[in-house]
Amino acid sequence: MNLEEFRELVDATRTEISSAVYGQDEIVTTMMVSVFARGHVLLEGPPGTAKTLLAKTISKTMDLNFGRIQFTPDLMPGDVLGANIFNFQSGEFKLTKGPVFTDILLADEINRAPPKTQSSLLQAMNERQVTIDGETHTLGENFFVIATQNPIEQQGTYPLPEAQLDRFLFKLVVDFPDRDAELEILSRNRNKPVGADDSHDQIQQTISGDKLAAGRALIDSIRLDDTILNYIVDLIRATRNDAEIRHGASTRAADALASAVRARAAIDGRDYAIPDDVQALIIPAMRHRIVLGPTAEIEGRTPEDVLGNIVNRIDAPR
């Protein structure tokens, strides 16, 4: 696959997704970056902003198995991973696989499950394998988590710990669409039965397994100049020394950002990365990985504000 073929593939996929999910073009493009950069995504937004629809629609465009877990306070790790069940007929234990054994996993309202259940995904997200009763099971290289959470409901929720957040390549904030997009949604749905959610049913598959593998191989070949690598490192290290940040980003975060930068360059039709790629992705890649200090919180600063200041402070390569 060459760059032109890759761009055509991404454009066709974005068109399919946008036919069901209106007014979220930037979110859709960043999701495409995550798919080809092999990164998991956390979608955060108020109810009714098509977070679940977006995840289901993206899965329809790919020739991959799709699984969904509705996270609830009573969900147990075994409900996610599966368990060895004793078969009285054979006299042996047999593994009953949980929904985590899939390619694309939609973890809906992930922050509704307690920490013990949330942690069952840590190994799966980091190593693409799980351990059940001491035996390791591979999930496959295409394993990809799309998690959603609602920021405004606090009752019955458990904030994700930093170790889990660090496994997500991006945290994307899904906001309400603009007026024109909202009007378009109502216009297209006015003849549908109340509560119908079939927007993604008409989506055509655009990304086969071979095309996904070829696209990822192309991204691996995108050139990252030493100046870009140094720029990424300088930005990440600046998060650890900033007076407004209590905990900065990890080395894993720097490596993840570098992978995402390659994918964005390819989507833009370039075989090399530029500083604009880094600047476009650093906020969605880092907003969930930094912890603000008390001074920033008292002043009402947001992670986006602090990261924006760091980008303005660190000189970009020319």
C-alpha atoms as a PDB file:
ATOM      1  CA  MET A   1       0.000   0.000   0.000  1.00  0.00           C
ATOM      2  CA  ASN A   2       1.307   3.462  -0.915  1.00  0.00           C
ATOM      3  CA  LEU A   3       0.403   6.827   0.590  1.00  0.00           C
ATOM      4  CA  GLU A   4      -2.223   7.652  -2.027  1.00  0.00           C
ATOM      5  CA  GLU A   5      -4.005   4.324  -1.495  1.00  0.00           C
ATOM      6  CA  PHE A   6      -3.833   4.830   2.259  1.00  0.00           C
ATOM      7  CA  ARG A   7      -5.386   8.297   2.038  1.00  0.00           C
ATOM      8  CA  GLU A   8      -8.176   6.959  -0.179  1.00  0.00           C
ATOM      9  CA  LEU A   9      -8.827   4.204   2.361  1.00  0.00           C
ATOM     10  CA  VAL A  10      -9.003   6.650   5.275  1.00  0.00           C
ATOM     11  CA  ASP A  11     -11.165   9.116   3.326  1.00  0.00           C
ATOM     12  CA  ALA A  12     -13.626   6.356   2.382  1.00  0.00           C
ATOM     13  CA  THR A  13     -13.792   5.214   6.001  1.00  0.00           C
ATOM     14  CA  ARG A  14     -14.341   8.722   7.335  1.00  0.00           C
ATOM     15  CA  THR A  15     -17.138   9.231   4.805  1.00  0.00           C
ATOM     16  CA  GLU A  16     -18.862   6.043   5.952  1.00  0.00           C
ATOM     17  CA  ILE A  17     -18.554   6.957   9.633  1.00  0.00           C
ATOM     18  CA  SER A  18     -19.737  10.526   9.055  1.00  0.00           C
ATOM     19  CA  SER A  19     -22.875   9.237   7.340  1.00  0.00           C
ATOM     20  CA  ALA A  20     -23.986   7.912  10.742  1.00  0.00           C
ATOM     21  CA  VAL A  21     -22.159  10.213  13.166  1.00  0.00           C
ATOM     22  CA  TYR A  22     -22.690  13.862  12.228  1.00  0.00           C
ATOM     23  CA  GLY A  23     -20.704  16.885  13.333  1.00  0.00           C
ATOM     24  CA  GLN A  24     -17.738  15.009  14.832  1.00  0.00           C
ATOM     25  CA  ASP A  25     -15.260  15.144  11.929  1.00  0.00           C
ATOM     26  CA  GLU A  26     -12.185  15.950  14.037  1.00  0.00           C
ATOM     27  CA  ILE A  27     -13.013  13.162  16.496  1.00  0.00           C
ATOM     28  CA  VAL A  28     -13.451  10.703  13.621  1.00  0.00           C
ATOM     29  CA  THR A  29     -10.075  11.639  12.118  1.00  0.00           C
ATOM     30  CA  THR A  30      -8.306  11.216  15.454  1.00  0.00           C
ATOM     31  CA  MET A  31     -10.007   7.844  15.865  1.00  0.00           C
ATOM     32  CA  MET A  32      -8.522   6.845  12.505  1.00  0.00           C
ATOM     33  CA  VAL A  33      -5.100   7.828  13.825  1.00  0.00           C
ATOM     34  CA  SER A  34      -5.612   5.576  16.852  1.00  0.00           C
ATOM     35  CA  VAL A  35      -6.786   2.612  14.747  1.00  0.00           C
ATOM     36  CA  PHE A  36      -3.682   2.616  12.567  1.00  0.00           C
ATOM     37  CA  ALA A  37      -1.326   3.580  15.423  1.00  0.00           C
ATOM     38  CA  ARG A  38      -2.509   0.514  17.413  1.00  0.00           C
ATOM     39  CA  GLY A  39      -3.746   2.629  20.336  1.00  0.00           C
ATOM     40  CA  HIS A  40      -6.771   2.427  22.619  1.00  0.00           C
ATOM     41  CA  VAL A  41      -9.184   5.347  22.940  1.00  0.00           C
ATOM     42  CA  LEU A  42     -11.178   6.821  25.820  1.00  0.00           C
ATOM     43  CA  LEU A  43     -14.254   8.816  24.745  1.00  0.00           C
ATOM     44  CA  GLU A  44     -15.579  11.255  27.333  1.00  0.00           C
ATOM     45  CA  GLY A  45     -18.672  13.341  26.956  1.00  0.00           C
ATOM     46  CA  PRO A  46     -22.165  14.028  28.267  1.00  0.00           C
ATOM     47  CA  PRO A  47     -24.998  11.591  27.552  1.00  0.00           C
ATOM     48  CA  GLY A  48     -26.476  11.628  24.080  1.00  0.00           C
ATOM     49  CA  THR A  49     -23.381  12.717  22.146  1.00  0.00           C
ATOM     50  CA  ALA A  50     -23.090   9.497  20.085  1.00  0.00           C
ATOM     51  CA  LYS A  51     -20.076   8.031  21.890  1.00  0.00           C
ATOM     52  CA  THR A  52     -21.431   4.487  21.731  1.00  0.00           C
ATOM     53  CA  LEU A  53     -22.750   5.016  18.192  1.00  0.00           C
ATOM     54  CA  LEU A  54     -19.297   6.203  17.112  1.00  0.00           C
ATOM     55  CA  ALA A  55     -17.619   3.089  18.508  1.00  0.00           C
ATOM     56  CA  LYS A  56     -20.174   0.742  16.914  1.00  0.00           C
ATOM     57  CA  THR A  57     -19.961   2.554  13.572  1.00  0.00           C
ATOM     58  CA  ILE A  58     -16.171   2.356  13.450  1.00  0.00           C
ATOM     59  CA  SER A  59     -16.363  -1.354  14.162  1.00  0.00           C
ATOM     60  CA  LYS A  60     -18.738  -1.795  11.204  1.00  0.00           C
ATOM     61  CA  THR A  61     -16.154  -0.308   8.820  1.00  0.00           C
ATOM     62  CA  MET A  62     -13.562  -2.932   9.774  1.00  0.00           C
ATOM     63  CA  ASP A  63     -13.414  -6.660   9.138  1.00  0.00           C
ATOM     64  CA  LEU A  64     -12.878  -7.412  12.818  1.00  0.00           C
ATOM     65  CA  ASN A  65     -14.843  -9.081  15.571  1.00  0.00           C
ATOM     66  CA  PHE A  66     -16.725  -6.692  17.839  1.00  0.00           C
ATOM     67  CA  GLY A  67     -17.642  -7.146  21.501  1.00  0.00           C
ATOM     68  CA  ARG A  68     -19.322  -4.902  24.030  1.00  0.00           C
ATOM     69  CA  ILE A  69     -19.314  -4.794  27.817  1.00  0.00           C
ATOM     70  CA  GLN A  70     -21.767  -2.588  29.682  1.00  0.00           C
ATOM     71  CA  PHE A  71     -19.778  -1.713  32.821  1.00  0.00           C
ATOM     72  CA  THR A  72     -21.838  -1.631  36.026  1.00  0.00           C
ATOM     73  CA  PRO A  73     -20.969  -1.473  39.752  1.00  0.00           C
ATOM     74  CA  ASP A  74     -21.667  -5.199  40.192  1.00  0.00           C
ATOM     75  CA  LEU A  75     -19.520  -6.314  37.228  1.00  0.00           C
ATOM     76  CA  MET A  76     -16.789  -8.769  38.257  1.00  0.00           C
ATOM     77  CA  PRO A  77     -13.396  -9.488  36.594  1.00  0.00           C
ATOM     78  CA  GLY A  78     -14.655 -12.914  35.554  1.00  0.00           C
ATOM     79  CA  ASP A  79     -17.493 -11.230  33.660  1.00  0.00           C
ATOM     80  CA  VAL A  80     -14.840  -9.486  31.549  1.00  0.00           C
ATOM     81  CA  LEU A  81     -12.141 -12.133  31.177  1.00  0.00           C
ATOM     82  CA  GLY A  82     -14.095 -15.369  31.524  1.00  0.00           C
ATOM     83  CA  ALA A  83     -13.413 -18.288  33.864  1.00  0.00           C
ATOM     84  CA  ASN A  84     -12.531 -21.968  33.992  1.00  0.00           C
ATOM     85  CA  ILE A  85     -15.778 -23.852  34.576  1.00  0.00           C
ATOM     86  CA  PHE A  86     -15.814 -27.471  35.733  1.00  0.00           C
ATOM     87  CA  ASN A  87     -17.522 -29.790  33.260  1.00  0.00           C
ATOM     88  CA  PHE A  88     -19.109 -32.647  35.209  1.00  0.00           C
ATOM     89  CA  GLN A  89     -19.517 -34.763  32.074  1.00  0.00           C
ATOM     90  CA  SER A  90     -15.847 -34.677  31.087  1.00  0.00           C
ATOM     91  CA  GLY A  91     -14.519 -34.227  34.614  1.00  0.00           C
ATOM     92  CA  GLU A  92     -12.298 -31.335  33.452  1.00  0.00           C
ATOM     93  CA  PHE A  93     -12.177 -27.578  33.728  1.00  0.00           C
ATOM     94  CA  LYS A  94     -12.982 -25.761  30.498  1.00  0.00           C
ATOM     95  CA  LEU A  95     -12.325 -22.105  29.759  1.00  0.00           C
ATOM     96  CA  THR A  96     -15.442 -20.084  29.091  1.00  0.00           C
ATOM     97  CA  LYS A  97     -14.076 -16.995  27.364  1.00  0.00           C
ATOM     98  CA  GLY A  98     -15.368 -13.577  28.360  1.00  0.00           C
ATOM     99  CA  PRO A  99     -16.207 -10.696  26.026  1.00  0.00           C
ATOM    100  CA  VAL A 100     -12.598  -9.456  26.173  1.00  0.00           C
ATOM    101  CA  PHE A 101     -11.759 -12.181  23.637  1.00  0.00           C
ATOM    102  CA  THR A 102     -12.510 -10.096  20.564  1.00  0.00           C
ATOM    103  CA  ASP A 103     -10.802  -7.613  18.251  1.00  0.00           C
ATOM    104  CA  ILE A 104     -12.667  -4.399  19.001  1.00  0.00           C
ATOM    105  CA  LEU A 105     -13.956  -4.114  22.555  1.00  0.00           C
ATOM    106  CA  LEU A 106     -16.434  -1.387  23.466  1.00  0.00           C
ATOM    107  CA  ALA A 107     -16.113  -0.788  27.209  1.00  0.00           C
ATOM    108  CA  ASP A 108     -19.257   1.249  27.722  1.00  0.00           C
ATOM    109  CA  GLU A 109     -19.316   3.562  30.767  1.00  0.00           C
ATOM    110  CA  ILE A 110     -16.052   2.053  31.994  1.00  0.00           C
ATOM    111  CA  ASN A 111     -15.947   4.276  35.076  1.00  0.00           C
ATOM    112  CA  ARG A 112     -19.092   2.641  36.473  1.00  0.00           C
ATOM    113  CA  ALA A 113     -17.184  -0.538  37.377  1.00  0.00           C
ATOM    114  CA  PRO A 114     -15.155  -0.782  40.616  1.00  0.00           C
ATOM    115  CA  PRO A 115     -11.325  -0.669  40.499  1.00  0.00           C
ATOM    116  CA  LYS A 116     -10.970  -4.454  40.759  1.00  0.00           C
ATOM    117  CA  THR A 117     -12.961  -4.917  37.554  1.00  0.00           C
ATOM    118  CA  GLN A 118     -11.300  -1.995  35.789  1.00  0.00           C
ATOM    119  CA  SER A 119      -7.889  -3.524  36.507  1.00  0.00           C
ATOM    120  CA  SER A 120      -8.873  -6.712  34.669  1.00  0.00           C
ATOM    121  CA  LEU A 121      -8.267  -4.787  31.443  1.00  0.00           C
ATOM    122  CA  LEU A 122      -4.765  -3.573  32.350  1.00  0.00           C
ATOM    123  CA  GLN A 123      -2.874  -6.589  31.025  1.00  0.00           C
ATOM    124  CA  ALA A 124      -5.160  -6.887  28.013  1.00  0.00           C
ATOM    125  CA  MET A 125      -4.615  -3.271  26.976  1.00  0.00           C
ATOM    126  CA  ASN A 126      -0.862  -3.280  27.547  1.00  0.00           C
ATOM    127  CA  GLU A 127       0.149  -6.754  26.378  1.00  0.00           C
ATOM    128  CA  ARG A 128      -2.858  -7.866  24.299  1.00  0.00           C
ATOM    129  CA  GLN A 129      -3.111 -11.014  26.380  1.00  0.00           C
ATOM    130  CA  VAL A 130      -4.817 -12.055  29.613  1.00  0.00           C
ATOM    131  CA  THR A 131      -3.946 -14.458  32.413  1.00  0.00           C
ATOM    132  CA  ILE A 132      -6.696 -16.677  33.843  1.00  0.00           C
ATOM    133  CA  ASP A 133      -5.852 -19.100  36.662  1.00  0.00           C
ATOM    134  CA  GLY A 134      -2.158 -18.820  35.859  1.00  0.00           C
ATOM    135  CA  GLU A 135      -2.537 -19.545  32.136  1.00  0.00           C
ATOM    136  CA  THR A 136      -1.867 -16.841  29.553  1.00  0.00           C
ATOM    137  CA  HIS A 137      -4.191 -16.423  26.568  1.00  0.00           C
ATOM    138  CA  THR A 138      -3.383 -14.229  23.552  1.00  0.00           C
ATOM    139  CA  LEU A 139      -5.966 -11.745  22.325  1.00  0.00           C
ATOM    140  CA  GLY A 140      -4.349 -10.974  18.973  1.00  0.00           C
ATOM    141  CA  GLU A 141      -2.529  -7.988  17.520  1.00  0.00           C
ATOM    142  CA  ASN A 142      -5.794  -6.311  16.444  1.00  0.00           C
ATOM    143  CA  PHE A 143      -7.179  -6.053  19.994  1.00  0.00           C
ATOM    144  CA  PHE A 144      -8.423  -2.497  20.378  1.00  0.00           C
ATOM    145  CA  VAL A 145     -10.379  -0.928  23.262  1.00  0.00           C
ATOM    146  CA  ILE A 146     -12.816   1.932  22.806  1.00  0.00           C
ATOM    147  CA  ALA A 147     -14.005   3.008  26.251  1.00  0.00           C
ATOM    148  CA  THR A 148     -16.661   5.588  27.042  1.00  0.00           C
ATOM    149  CA  GLN A 149     -17.323   7.521  30.216  1.00  0.00           C
ATOM    150  CA  ASN A 150     -19.686  10.233  31.347  1.00  0.00           C
ATOM    151  CA  PRO A 151     -17.969  13.138  33.139  1.00  0.00           C
ATOM    152  CA  ILE A 152     -21.063  14.695  34.690  1.00  0.00           C
ATOM    153  CA  GLU A 153     -22.508  11.680  36.518  1.00  0.00           C
ATOM    154  CA  GLN A 154     -20.621  11.127  39.758  1.00  0.00           C
ATOM    155  CA  GLN A 155     -22.965   8.838  41.677  1.00  0.00           C
ATOM    156  CA  GLY A 156     -21.997   5.205  41.249  1.00  0.00           C
ATOM    157  CA  THR A 157     -18.789   5.938  39.331  1.00  0.00           C
ATOM    158  CA  TYR A 158     -15.150   5.101  40.038  1.00  0.00           C
ATOM    159  CA  PRO A 159     -12.500   7.384  38.481  1.00  0.00           C
ATOM    160  CA  LEU A 160      -9.966   5.519  36.362  1.00  0.00           C
ATOM    161  CA  PRO A 161      -6.545   5.293  38.056  1.00  0.00           C
ATOM    162  CA  GLU A 162      -3.482   6.818  36.405  1.00  0.00           C
ATOM    163  CA  ALA A 163      -2.083   3.382  35.490  1.00  0.00           C
ATOM    164  CA  GLN A 164      -5.219   2.599  33.488  1.00  0.00           C
ATOM    165  CA  LEU A 165      -5.438   6.023  31.877  1.00  0.00           C
ATOM    166  CA  ASP A 166      -1.842   5.667  30.685  1.00  0.00           C
ATOM    167  CA  ARG A 167      -2.916   2.670  28.571  1.00  0.00           C
ATOM    168  CA  PHE A 168      -5.108   4.879  26.392  1.00  0.00           C
ATOM    169  CA  LEU A 169      -3.422   6.535  23.431  1.00  0.00           C
ATOM    170  CA  PHE A 170      -6.049   9.290  23.325  1.00  0.00           C
ATOM    171  CA  LYS A 171      -8.699  10.769  25.527  1.00  0.00           C
ATOM    172  CA  LEU A 172     -11.163  12.423  23.167  1.00  0.00           C
ATOM    173  CA  VAL A 173     -13.733  14.847  24.528  1.00  0.00           C
ATOM    174  CA  VAL A 174     -16.962  14.386  22.585  1.00  0.00           C
ATOM    175  CA  ASP A 175     -18.990  17.572  22.811  1.00  0.00           C
ATOM    176  CA  PHE A 176     -22.406  18.453  21.430  1.00  0.00           C
ATOM    177  CA  PRO A 177     -22.457  19.056  17.659  1.00  0.00           C
ATOM    178  CA  ASP A 178     -22.947  22.563  16.303  1.00  0.00           C
ATOM    179  CA  ARG A 179     -26.422  23.826  15.409  1.00  0.00           C
ATOM    180  CA  ASP A 180     -26.316  22.833  11.734  1.00  0.00           C
ATOM    181  CA  ALA A 181     -25.158  19.302  12.521  1.00  0.00           C
ATOM    182  CA  GLU A 182     -27.789  18.948  15.260  1.00  0.00           C
ATOM    183  CA  LEU A 183     -30.495  20.090  12.871  1.00  0.00           C
ATOM    184  CA  GLU A 184     -29.253  17.576  10.287  1.00  0.00           C
ATOM    185  CA  ILE A 185     -29.489  14.773  12.845  1.00  0.00           C
ATOM    186  CA  LEU A 186     -33.097  15.655  13.621  1.00  0.00           C
ATOM    187  CA  SER A 187     -33.972  15.987   9.934  1.00  0.00           C
ATOM    188  CA  ARG A 188     -32.607  12.563   9.068  1.00  0.00           C
ATOM    189  CA  ASN A 189     -34.273  10.875  12.027  1.00  0.00           C
ATOM    190  CA  ARG A 190     -37.697  12.505  11.926  1.00  0.00           C
ATOM    191  CA  ASN A 191     -39.319   9.620  10.016  1.00  0.00           C
ATOM    192  CA  LYS A 192     -37.795   6.898  12.181  1.00  0.00           C
ATOM    193  CA  PRO A 193     -39.577   5.224  15.087  1.00  0.00           C
ATOM    194  CA  VAL A 194     -38.891   6.787  18.466  1.00  0.00           C
ATOM    195  CA  GLY A 195     -35.742   5.307  20.009  1.00  0.00           C
ATOM    196  CA  ALA A 196     -34.555   3.666  16.760  1.00  0.00           C
ATOM    197  CA  ASP A 197     -30.772   3.394  16.624  1.00  0.00           C
ATOM    198  CA  ASP A 198     -30.018   1.923  13.217  1.00  0.00           C
ATOM    199  CA  SER A 199     -27.752   4.647  11.828  1.00  0.00           C
ATOM    200  CA  HIS A 200     -24.759   2.314  11.787  1.00  0.00           C
ATOM    201  CA  ASP A 201     -26.628  -0.604  10.196  1.00  0.00           C
ATOM    202  CA  GLN A 202     -26.143   0.786   6.675  1.00  0.00           C
ATOM    203  CA  ILE A 203     -22.402   1.307   7.121  1.00  0.00           C
ATOM    204  CA  GLN A 204     -20.260  -0.479   4.541  1.00  0.00           C
ATOM    205  CA  GLN A 205     -17.048  -2.251   5.432  1.00  0.00           C
ATOM    206  CA  THR A 206     -14.048  -0.358   4.061  1.00  0.00           C
ATOM    207  CA  ILE A 207     -11.075  -1.777   5.992  1.00  0.00           C
ATOM    208  CA  SER A 208     -10.320  -5.453   5.490  1.00  0.00           C
ATOM    209  CA  GLY A 209      -7.821  -7.278   7.656  1.00  0.00           C
ATOM    210  CA  ASP A 210      -5.240  -7.108   4.858  1.00  0.00           C
ATOM    211  CA  LYS A 211      -5.758  -3.370   4.378  1.00  0.00           C
ATOM    212  CA  LEU A 212      -5.461  -2.757   8.107  1.00  0.00           C
ATOM    213  CA  ALA A 213      -2.170  -4.660   8.235  1.00  0.00           C
ATOM    214  CA  ALA A 214      -0.885  -2.895   5.109  1.00  0.00           C
ATOM    215  CA  GLY A 215      -1.835   0.523   6.496  1.00  0.00           C
ATOM    216  CA  ARG A 216      -0.029  -0.166   9.766  1.00  0.00           C
ATOM    217  CA  ALA A 217       3.043  -1.374   7.885  1.00  0.00           C
ATOM    218  CA  LEU A 218       3.014   1.864   5.890  1.00  0.00           C
ATOM    219  CA  ILE A 219       2.840   3.918   9.077  1.00  0.00           C
ATOM    220  CA  ASP A 220       5.809   2.019  10.497  1.00  0.00           C
ATOM    221  CA  SER A 221       7.811   3.294   7.515  1.00  0.00           C
ATOM    222  CA  ILE A 222       6.963   6.981   8.068  1.00  0.00           C
ATOM    223  CA  ARG A 223      10.127   8.924   8.784  1.00  0.00           C
ATOM    224  CA  LEU A 224      10.591  10.504  12.206  1.00  0.00           C
ATOM    225  CA  ASP A 225      13.507  12.894  12.003  1.00  0.00           C
ATOM    226  CA  ASP A 226      15.729  13.316  15.054  1.00  0.00           C
ATOM    227  CA  THR A 227      14.455  16.878  15.402  1.00  0.00           C
ATOM    228  CA  ILE A 228      10.882  15.564  15.783  1.00  0.00           C
ATOM    229  CA  LEU A 229      11.964  12.951  18.312  1.00  0.00           C
ATOM    230  CA  ASN A 230      13.817  15.600  20.312  1.00  0.00           C
ATOM    231  CA  TYR A 231      10.761  17.851  20.159  1.00  0.00           C
ATOM    232  CA  ILE A 232       8.526  15.085  21.531  1.00  0.00           C
ATOM    233  CA  VAL A 233      10.975  14.313  24.332  1.00  0.00           C
ATOM    234  CA  ASP A 234      11.293  17.999  25.259  1.00  0.00           C
ATOM    235  CA  LEU A 235       7.512  18.377  25.473  1.00  0.00           C
ATOM    236  CA  ILE A 236       7.087  15.242  27.578  1.00  0.00           C
ATOM    237  CA  ARG A 237       9.898  16.177  29.945  1.00  0.00           C
ATOM    238  CA  ALA A 238       8.427  19.653  30.291  1.00  0.00           C
ATOM    239  CA  THR A 239       5.265  18.100  31.787  1.00  0.00           C
ATOM    240  CA  ARG A 240       7.420  16.652  34.577  1.00  0.00           C
ATOM    241  CA  ASN A 241       9.014  19.990  35.462  1.00  0.00           C
ATOM    242  CA  ASP A 242       6.017  22.287  35.166  1.00  0.00           C
ATOM    243  CA  ALA A 243       4.992  24.009  38.401  1.00  0.00           C
ATOM    244  CA  GLU A 244       1.306  23.493  37.598  1.00  0.00           C
ATOM    245  CA  ILE A 245       1.641  19.717  37.124  1.00  0.00           C
ATOM    246  CA  ARG A 246       1.954  17.316  40.039  1.00  0.00           C
ATOM    247  CA  HIS A 247       2.599  14.203  37.914  1.00  0.00           C
ATOM    248  CA  GLY A 248       3.894  14.447  34.353  1.00  0.00           C
ATOM    249  CA  ALA A 249       3.647  12.103  31.392  1.00  0.00           C
ATOM    250  CA  SER A 250       5.518   8.792  31.193  1.00  0.00           C
ATOM    251  CA  THR A 251       8.025   7.432  28.717  1.00  0.00           C
ATOM    252  CA  ARG A 252       5.208   5.199  27.446  1.00  0.00           C
ATOM    253  CA  ALA A 253       3.303   8.388  26.666  1.00  0.00           C
ATOM    254  CA  ALA A 254       6.202   9.720  24.593  1.00  0.00           C
ATOM    255  CA  ASP A 255       6.426   6.480  22.624  1.00  0.00           C
ATOM    256  CA  ALA A 256       2.664   6.460  22.047  1.00  0.00           C
ATOM    257  CA  LEU A 257       2.729  10.066  20.835  1.00  0.00           C
ATOM    258  CA  ALA A 258       5.502   9.242  18.372  1.00  0.00           C
ATOM    259  CA  SER A 259       3.423   6.403  16.902  1.00  0.00           C
ATOM    260  CA  ALA A 260       0.383   8.648  16.603  1.00  0.00           C
ATOM    261  CA  VAL A 261       2.435  11.363  14.898  1.00  0.00           C
ATOM    262  CA  ARG A 262       3.462   8.868  12.212  1.00  0.00           C
ATOM    263  CA  ALA A 263      -0.152   7.904  11.593  1.00  0.00           C
ATOM    264  CA  ARG A 264      -1.278  11.526  11.291  1.00  0.00           C
ATOM    265  CA  ALA A 265       1.513  12.258   8.813  1.00  0.00           C
ATOM    266  CA  ALA A 266       0.392   9.334   6.625  1.00  0.00           C
ATOM    267  CA  ILE A 267      -3.257  10.428   6.780  1.00  0.00           C
ATOM    268  CA  ASP A 268      -2.070  13.849   5.615  1.00  0.00           C
ATOM    269  CA  GLY A 269      -0.300  12.177   2.691  1.00  0.00           C
ATOM    270  CA  ARG A 270       3.278  12.644   3.900  1.00  0.00           C
ATOM    271  CA  ASP A 271       6.016  10.053   4.421  1.00  0.00           C
ATOM    272  CA  TYR A 272       7.610  12.250   7.078  1.00  0.00           C
ATOM    273  CA  ALA A 273       6.378  13.902  10.280  1.00  0.00           C
ATOM    274  CA  ILE A 274       6.419  17.627  10.986  1.00  0.00           C
ATOM    275  CA  PRO A 275       6.010  19.673  14.200  1.00  0.00           C
ATOM    276  CA  ASP A 276       2.373  20.381  13.302  1.00  0.00           C
ATOM    277  CA  ASP A 277       1.633  16.663  13.731  1.00  0.00           C
ATOM    278  CA  VAL A 278       3.009  16.743  17.265  1.00  0.00           C
ATOM    279  CA  GLN A 279       1.170  19.929  18.177  1.00  0.00           C
ATOM    280  CA  ALA A 280      -2.139  18.606  16.823  1.00  0.00           C
ATOM    281  CA  LEU A 281      -1.977  15.423  18.906  1.00  0.00           C
ATOM    282  CA  ILE A 282      -0.256  16.342  22.151  1.00  0.00           C
ATOM    283  CA  ILE A 283      -3.436  17.496  23.927  1.00  0.00           C
ATOM    284  CA  PRO A 284      -5.600  14.423  23.171  1.00  0.00           C
ATOM    285  CA  ALA A 285      -2.574  12.193  23.871  1.00  0.00           C
ATOM    286  CA  MET A 286      -1.593  13.865  27.157  1.00  0.00           C
ATOM    287  CA  ARG A 287      -4.699  15.454  28.749  1.00  0.00           C
ATOM    288  CA  HIS A 288      -5.460  12.229  30.663  1.00  0.00           C
ATOM    289  CA  ARG A 289      -1.840  11.455  31.530  1.00  0.00           C
ATOM    290  CA  ILE A 290      -0.991  14.533  33.593  1.00  0.00           C
ATOM    291  CA  VAL A 291      -2.226  15.341  37.096  1.00  0.00           C
ATOM    292  CA  LEU A 292      -2.592  19.021  37.890  1.00  0.00           C
ATOM    293  CA  GLY A 293      -1.172  20.465  41.077  1.00  0.00           C
ATOM    294  CA  PRO A 294      -3.271  22.239  43.721  1.00  0.00           C
ATOM    295  CA  THR A 295      -2.359  25.722  42.461  1.00  0.00           C
ATOM    296  CA  ALA A 296      -3.662  24.989  38.968  1.00  0.00           C
ATOM    297  CA  GLU A 297      -6.833  23.436  40.348  1.00  0.00           C
ATOM    298  CA  ILE A 298      -7.528  26.407  42.625  1.00  0.00           C
ATOM    299  CA  GLU A 299      -7.101  28.789  39.684  1.00  0.00           C
ATOM    300  CA  GLY A 300      -9.494  26.721  37.585  1.00  0.00           C
ATOM    301  CA  ARG A 301      -6.873  25.674  35.057  1.00  0.00           C
ATOM    302  CA  THR A 302      -7.505  22.664  32.826  1.00  0.00           C
ATOM    303  CA  PRO A 303      -5.044  20.113  31.439  1.00  0.00           C
ATOM    304  CA  GLU A 304      -5.641  21.666  28.011  1.00  0.00           C
ATOM    305  CA  ASP A 305      -4.617  25.106  29.339  1.00  0.00           C
ATOM    306  CA  VAL A 306      -1.432  23.795  30.913  1.00  0.00           C
ATOM    307  CA  LEU A 307      -0.441  21.686  27.908  1.00  0.00           C
ATOM    308  CA  GLY A 308      -1.101  24.633  25.608  1.00  0.00           C
ATOM    309  CA  ASN A 309       1.304  26.756  27.642  1.00  0.00           C
ATOM    310  CA  ILE A 310       3.976  24.068  27.385  1.00  0.00           C
ATOM    311  CA  VAL A 311       3.575  23.888  23.605  1.00  0.00           C
ATOM    312  CA  ASN A 312       3.914  27.681  23.392  1.00  0.00           C
ATOM    313  CA  ARG A 313       6.984  27.622  25.632  1.00  0.00           C
ATOM    314  CA  ILE A 314       8.974  24.869  23.914  1.00  0.00           C
ATOM    315  CA  ASP A 315      10.506  25.933  20.613  1.00  0.00           C
ATOM    316  CA  ALA A 316       9.426  23.775  17.680  1.00  0.00           C
ATOM    317  CA  PRO A 317      12.093  22.608  15.208  1.00  0.00           C
ATOM    318  CA  ARG A 318      12.296  24.522  11.944  1.00  0.00           C
END
